[in-house]
Amino acid sequence: MSVVDRNVIDFWHVDDDKITLCISDHIPWDDEIVNAHLVILQDKINDYLDFIASGQIYEQFSDKGKIPNIKVIFCYKPVDAAIDFLKNVKTVLKEDDCALEWIFRPIED
């Protein structure tokens, strides 16, 4: 699964205090597709937020009381526009007791 697969949780894990839903983003940040890439990422995050808001996250993982956390794992270093977008989303989600994080983990040859 990946960022382009809508309405699917790519993978997840449960920690002591949070349920982390991961997004695997394998799309390069080429100049000509940055905006399209951001729309794809936004759609995937919105799918995850729907999953959380509907309560399905707790039906699926039966871990009520844990903080929902969305984690984006980038295979290509995100551009400034992506970081700015994620920072804005993180601020909004914090108000709803939901967390957002991201990491850059390059593909190894």
N, C-alpha and C. Protein backbone atom coordinates (compact mmCIF):
# COMPACT_ATOMS: atom_id res chain seq x y z
N MET A 1 0.83 -1.16 0.00
CA MET A 1 0.00 0.00 0.00
C MET A 1 0.89 1.24 0.00
N SER A 2 0.28 2.33 -0.48
CA SER A 2 1.05 3.57 -0.52
C SER A 2 0.12 4.77 -0.53
N VAL A 3 0.71 5.93 -0.62
CA VAL A 3 -0.02 7.18 -0.59
C VAL A 3 -1.08 7.26 -1.68
N VAL A 4 -0.91 6.55 -2.77
CA VAL A 4 -1.88 6.59 -3.87
C VAL A 4 -3.06 5.66 -3.67
N ASP A 5 -2.99 4.77 -2.71
CA ASP A 5 -4.08 3.83 -2.44
C ASP A 5 -5.07 4.47 -1.47
N ARG A 6 -6.19 4.92 -2.00
CA ARG A 6 -7.19 5.63 -1.20
C ARG A 6 -7.99 4.66 -0.34
N ASN A 7 -8.46 5.18 0.80
CA ASN A 7 -9.34 4.44 1.71
C ASN A 7 -8.72 3.15 2.23
N VAL A 8 -7.40 3.13 2.34
CA VAL A 8 -6.67 1.97 2.87
C VAL A 8 -5.61 2.49 3.83
N ILE A 9 -5.51 1.87 5.00
CA ILE A 9 -4.42 2.19 5.92
C ILE A 9 -3.19 1.41 5.45
N ASP A 10 -2.11 2.12 5.12
CA ASP A 10 -0.92 1.45 4.57
C ASP A 10 -0.36 0.44 5.58
N PHE A 11 -0.09 0.90 6.79
CA PHE A 11 0.29 0.01 7.89
C PHE A 11 0.18 0.80 9.18
N TRP A 12 0.24 0.12 10.30
CA TRP A 12 0.02 0.76 11.59
C TRP A 12 0.79 0.04 12.68
N HIS A 13 0.89 0.70 13.82
CA HIS A 13 1.43 0.06 15.02
C HIS A 13 0.85 0.76 16.24
N VAL A 14 0.80 0.05 17.33
CA VAL A 14 0.24 0.57 18.58
C VAL A 14 1.36 0.65 19.60
N ASP A 15 1.51 1.82 20.21
CA ASP A 15 2.49 2.03 21.26
C ASP A 15 1.75 2.17 22.59
N ASP A 16 2.49 2.48 23.64
CA ASP A 16 1.88 2.64 24.96
C ASP A 16 0.80 3.71 24.99
N ASP A 17 1.02 4.83 24.29
CA ASP A 17 0.09 5.94 24.39
C ASP A 17 -0.57 6.37 23.09
N LYS A 18 -0.23 5.72 21.96
CA LYS A 18 -0.82 6.15 20.70
C LYS A 18 -0.99 4.99 19.71
N ILE A 19 -1.91 5.23 18.79
CA ILE A 19 -2.12 4.34 17.65
C ILE A 19 -1.60 5.09 16.44
N THR A 20 -0.58 4.57 15.79
CA THR A 20 0.05 5.25 14.67
C THR A 20 -0.38 4.61 13.36
N LEU A 21 -0.97 5.43 12.51
CA LEU A 21 -1.37 5.03 11.17
C LEU A 21 -0.35 5.61 10.21
N CYS A 22 0.33 4.75 9.47
CA CYS A 22 1.44 5.19 8.63
C CYS A 22 1.02 5.33 7.16
N ILE A 23 1.57 6.34 6.53
CA ILE A 23 1.41 6.57 5.10
C ILE A 23 2.78 6.40 4.46
N SER A 24 2.85 5.53 3.47
CA SER A 24 4.09 5.31 2.75
C SER A 24 4.06 6.15 1.47
N ASP A 25 4.92 7.16 1.41
CA ASP A 25 4.95 8.07 0.27
C ASP A 25 6.21 7.82 -0.54
N HIS A 26 6.03 7.22 -1.69
CA HIS A 26 7.14 6.83 -2.56
C HIS A 26 7.28 7.71 -3.79
N ILE A 27 6.49 8.79 -3.86
CA ILE A 27 6.49 9.64 -5.05
C ILE A 27 7.61 10.68 -4.94
N PRO A 28 8.41 10.83 -6.01
CA PRO A 28 9.46 11.87 -5.98
C PRO A 28 8.84 13.27 -5.98
N TRP A 29 9.60 14.23 -5.54
CA TRP A 29 9.14 15.62 -5.48
C TRP A 29 9.65 16.40 -6.68
N ASP A 30 9.42 15.89 -7.87
CA ASP A 30 9.83 16.59 -9.08
C ASP A 30 9.04 17.89 -9.22
N ASP A 31 9.70 18.93 -9.70
CA ASP A 31 9.09 20.26 -9.79
C ASP A 31 7.75 20.26 -10.50
N GLU A 32 7.64 19.50 -11.57
CA GLU A 32 6.42 19.54 -12.37
C GLU A 32 5.22 18.83 -11.73
N ILE A 33 5.45 18.08 -10.66
CA ILE A 33 4.33 17.36 -10.03
C ILE A 33 4.15 17.68 -8.54
N VAL A 34 4.82 18.71 -8.05
CA VAL A 34 4.73 19.03 -6.63
C VAL A 34 3.29 19.25 -6.20
N ASN A 35 2.55 20.06 -6.94
CA ASN A 35 1.17 20.36 -6.55
C ASN A 35 0.29 19.11 -6.59
N ALA A 36 0.46 18.30 -7.62
CA ALA A 36 -0.32 17.05 -7.71
C ALA A 36 0.04 16.11 -6.56
N HIS A 37 1.31 16.07 -6.22
CA HIS A 37 1.78 15.23 -5.12
C HIS A 37 1.15 15.69 -3.80
N LEU A 38 1.11 16.99 -3.60
CA LEU A 38 0.50 17.52 -2.38
C LEU A 38 -0.99 17.18 -2.29
N VAL A 39 -1.68 17.20 -3.40
CA VAL A 39 -3.10 16.84 -3.41
C VAL A 39 -3.27 15.37 -3.05
N ILE A 40 -2.43 14.51 -3.60
CA ILE A 40 -2.48 13.07 -3.28
C ILE A 40 -2.24 12.86 -1.79
N LEU A 41 -1.24 13.54 -1.24
CA LEU A 41 -0.93 13.41 0.18
C LEU A 41 -2.09 13.94 1.03
N GLN A 42 -2.64 15.07 0.66
CA GLN A 42 -3.77 15.63 1.39
C GLN A 42 -4.96 14.69 1.38
N ASP A 43 -5.25 14.09 0.23
CA ASP A 43 -6.37 13.14 0.13
C ASP A 43 -6.16 11.95 1.05
N LYS A 44 -4.93 11.44 1.09
CA LYS A 44 -4.64 10.28 1.94
C LYS A 44 -4.78 10.65 3.42
N ILE A 45 -4.27 11.80 3.80
CA ILE A 45 -4.41 12.25 5.19
C ILE A 45 -5.88 12.40 5.53
N ASN A 46 -6.67 12.97 4.62
CA ASN A 46 -8.11 13.11 4.86
C ASN A 46 -8.79 11.75 5.02
N ASP A 47 -8.37 10.76 4.24
CA ASP A 47 -8.91 9.40 4.42
C ASP A 47 -8.63 8.89 5.83
N TYR A 48 -7.41 9.12 6.31
CA TYR A 48 -7.04 8.68 7.65
C TYR A 48 -7.85 9.43 8.71
N LEU A 49 -8.06 10.73 8.48
CA LEU A 49 -8.85 11.51 9.43
C LEU A 49 -10.30 11.04 9.46
N ASP A 50 -10.84 10.65 8.32
CA ASP A 50 -12.20 10.08 8.29
C ASP A 50 -12.25 8.79 9.10
N PHE A 51 -11.21 7.96 8.98
CA PHE A 51 -11.12 6.70 9.71
C PHE A 51 -11.09 6.97 11.22
N ILE A 52 -10.36 8.01 11.61
CA ILE A 52 -10.27 8.37 13.03
C ILE A 52 -11.59 8.97 13.52
N ALA A 53 -12.12 9.94 12.77
CA ALA A 53 -13.34 10.65 13.19
C ALA A 53 -14.55 9.73 13.29
N SER A 54 -14.59 8.71 12.44
CA SER A 54 -15.72 7.79 12.44
C SER A 54 -15.69 6.82 13.62
N GLY A 55 -14.56 6.76 14.31
CA GLY A 55 -14.40 5.82 15.41
C GLY A 55 -13.92 4.45 14.97
N GLN A 56 -13.76 4.27 13.67
CA GLN A 56 -13.28 2.98 13.16
C GLN A 56 -11.91 2.62 13.71
N ILE A 57 -11.11 3.63 13.99
CA ILE A 57 -9.77 3.36 14.53
C ILE A 57 -9.86 2.55 15.82
N TYR A 58 -10.85 2.87 16.66
CA TYR A 58 -10.99 2.16 17.94
C TYR A 58 -11.71 0.83 17.77
N GLU A 59 -12.58 0.73 16.77
CA GLU A 59 -13.20 -0.57 16.48
C GLU A 59 -12.14 -1.54 15.96
N GLN A 60 -11.26 -1.03 15.12
CA GLN A 60 -10.23 -1.86 14.50
C GLN A 60 -9.16 -2.29 15.51
N PHE A 61 -8.75 -1.36 16.36
CA PHE A 61 -7.62 -1.62 17.25
C PHE A 61 -8.00 -1.76 18.71
N SER A 62 -9.24 -1.49 19.02
CA SER A 62 -9.77 -1.57 20.40
C SER A 62 -8.80 -1.04 21.46
N ASP A 63 -8.31 0.13 21.21
CA ASP A 63 -7.38 0.79 22.13
C ASP A 63 -7.86 2.20 22.44
N LYS A 64 -9.10 2.29 22.94
CA LYS A 64 -9.65 3.61 23.27
C LYS A 64 -8.76 4.30 24.29
N GLY A 65 -8.69 5.60 24.16
CA GLY A 65 -7.89 6.38 25.08
C GLY A 65 -6.50 6.66 24.56
N LYS A 66 -6.07 5.94 23.53
CA LYS A 66 -4.75 6.21 22.95
C LYS A 66 -4.89 7.31 21.91
N ILE A 67 -3.86 8.09 21.76
CA ILE A 67 -3.87 9.23 20.84
C ILE A 67 -3.69 8.73 19.41
N PRO A 68 -4.60 9.14 18.51
CA PRO A 68 -4.39 8.82 17.09
C PRO A 68 -3.20 9.63 16.56
N ASN A 69 -2.35 8.97 15.82
CA ASN A 69 -1.14 9.59 15.28
C ASN A 69 -1.01 9.17 13.81
N ILE A 70 -0.84 10.15 12.94
CA ILE A 70 -0.59 9.86 11.53
C ILE A 70 0.89 10.12 11.28
N LYS A 71 1.54 9.14 10.66
CA LYS A 71 2.97 9.26 10.39
C LYS A 71 3.19 9.07 8.89
N VAL A 72 3.79 10.07 8.25
CA VAL A 72 4.11 9.99 6.84
C VAL A 72 5.58 9.61 6.70
N ILE A 73 5.81 8.56 5.94
CA ILE A 73 7.18 8.09 5.71
C ILE A 73 7.52 8.38 4.25
N PHE A 74 8.42 9.33 4.05
CA PHE A 74 8.80 9.74 2.71
C PHE A 74 10.03 8.96 2.22
N CYS A 75 9.96 8.47 1.00
CA CYS A 75 11.11 7.83 0.38
C CYS A 75 12.02 8.85 -0.31
N TYR A 76 11.44 10.02 -0.61
CA TYR A 76 12.19 11.12 -1.21
C TYR A 76 12.08 12.33 -0.30
N LYS A 77 13.17 13.05 -0.16
CA LYS A 77 13.20 14.19 0.74
C LYS A 77 12.10 15.18 0.35
N PRO A 78 11.21 15.50 1.29
CA PRO A 78 10.12 16.43 0.96
C PRO A 78 10.62 17.85 0.73
N VAL A 79 9.96 18.52 -0.21
CA VAL A 79 10.31 19.91 -0.53
C VAL A 79 9.70 20.83 0.52
N ASP A 80 10.12 22.09 0.50
CA ASP A 80 9.65 23.06 1.48
C ASP A 80 8.13 23.18 1.50
N ALA A 81 7.49 23.14 0.32
CA ALA A 81 6.03 23.26 0.26
C ALA A 81 5.36 22.11 1.01
N ALA A 82 5.94 20.93 0.94
CA ALA A 82 5.39 19.77 1.66
C ALA A 82 5.56 19.94 3.16
N ILE A 83 6.71 20.40 3.58
CA ILE A 83 6.97 20.62 5.01
C ILE A 83 6.02 21.68 5.55
N ASP A 84 5.83 22.77 4.80
CA ASP A 84 4.91 23.83 5.23
C ASP A 84 3.50 23.28 5.36
N PHE A 85 3.07 22.48 4.38
CA PHE A 85 1.75 21.86 4.43
C PHE A 85 1.61 20.98 5.67
N LEU A 86 2.59 20.14 5.92
CA LEU A 86 2.53 19.23 7.07
C LEU A 86 2.53 19.98 8.40
N LYS A 87 3.29 21.03 8.49
CA LYS A 87 3.30 21.84 9.71
C LYS A 87 1.92 22.44 9.98
N ASN A 88 1.27 22.92 8.92
CA ASN A 88 -0.08 23.47 9.08
C ASN A 88 -1.07 22.40 9.52
N VAL A 89 -1.00 21.24 8.89
CA VAL A 89 -1.89 20.13 9.26
C VAL A 89 -1.64 19.72 10.70
N LYS A 90 -0.39 19.64 11.10
CA LYS A 90 -0.04 19.25 12.46
C LYS A 90 -0.66 20.20 13.49
N THR A 91 -0.62 21.48 13.20
CA THR A 91 -1.19 22.48 14.11
C THR A 91 -2.69 22.29 14.26
N VAL A 92 -3.37 22.06 13.15
CA VAL A 92 -4.83 21.85 13.18
C VAL A 92 -5.17 20.56 13.92
N LEU A 93 -4.43 19.50 13.65
CA LEU A 93 -4.73 18.20 14.28
C LEU A 93 -4.49 18.23 15.78
N LYS A 94 -3.51 18.99 16.20
CA LYS A 94 -3.20 19.07 17.63
C LYS A 94 -4.41 19.58 18.41
N GLU A 95 -5.18 20.48 17.81
CA GLU A 95 -6.39 21.00 18.45
C GLU A 95 -7.45 19.92 18.62
N ASP A 96 -7.38 18.88 17.79
CA ASP A 96 -8.35 17.78 17.84
C ASP A 96 -7.77 16.54 18.53
N ASP A 97 -6.72 16.73 19.32
CA ASP A 97 -6.06 15.63 20.03
C ASP A 97 -5.63 14.50 19.11
N CYS A 98 -5.08 14.90 18.00
CA CYS A 98 -4.53 13.95 17.03
C CYS A 98 -3.13 14.45 16.69
N ALA A 99 -2.20 13.53 16.47
CA ALA A 99 -0.82 13.91 16.19
C ALA A 99 -0.46 13.61 14.74
N LEU A 100 0.53 14.33 14.25
CA LEU A 100 1.07 14.11 12.90
C LEU A 100 2.58 14.20 12.98
N GLU A 101 3.23 13.26 12.35
CA GLU A 101 4.69 13.30 12.27
C GLU A 101 5.11 12.81 10.89
N TRP A 102 6.34 13.09 10.53
CA TRP A 102 6.85 12.63 9.25
C TRP A 102 8.34 12.39 9.38
N ILE A 103 8.80 11.49 8.53
CA ILE A 103 10.23 11.19 8.47
C ILE A 103 10.62 10.97 7.02
N PHE A 104 11.87 11.16 6.75
CA PHE A 104 12.45 10.89 5.44
C PHE A 104 13.32 9.65 5.60
N ARG A 105 12.93 8.61 4.92
CA ARG A 105 13.68 7.37 4.95
C ARG A 105 13.96 6.97 3.51
N PRO A 106 15.14 7.33 3.00
CA PRO A 106 15.42 7.08 1.57
C PRO A 106 15.43 5.61 1.22
N ILE A 107 15.08 5.36 -0.02
CA ILE A 107 15.12 4.00 -0.54
C ILE A 107 16.58 3.60 -0.70
N GLU A 108 16.90 2.44 -0.17
CA GLU A 108 18.28 1.96 -0.28
C GLU A 108 18.39 1.06 -1.48
N ASP A 109 19.47 1.26 -2.24
CA ASP A 109 19.69 0.41 -3.43
C ASP A 109 20.24 -0.93 -3.06
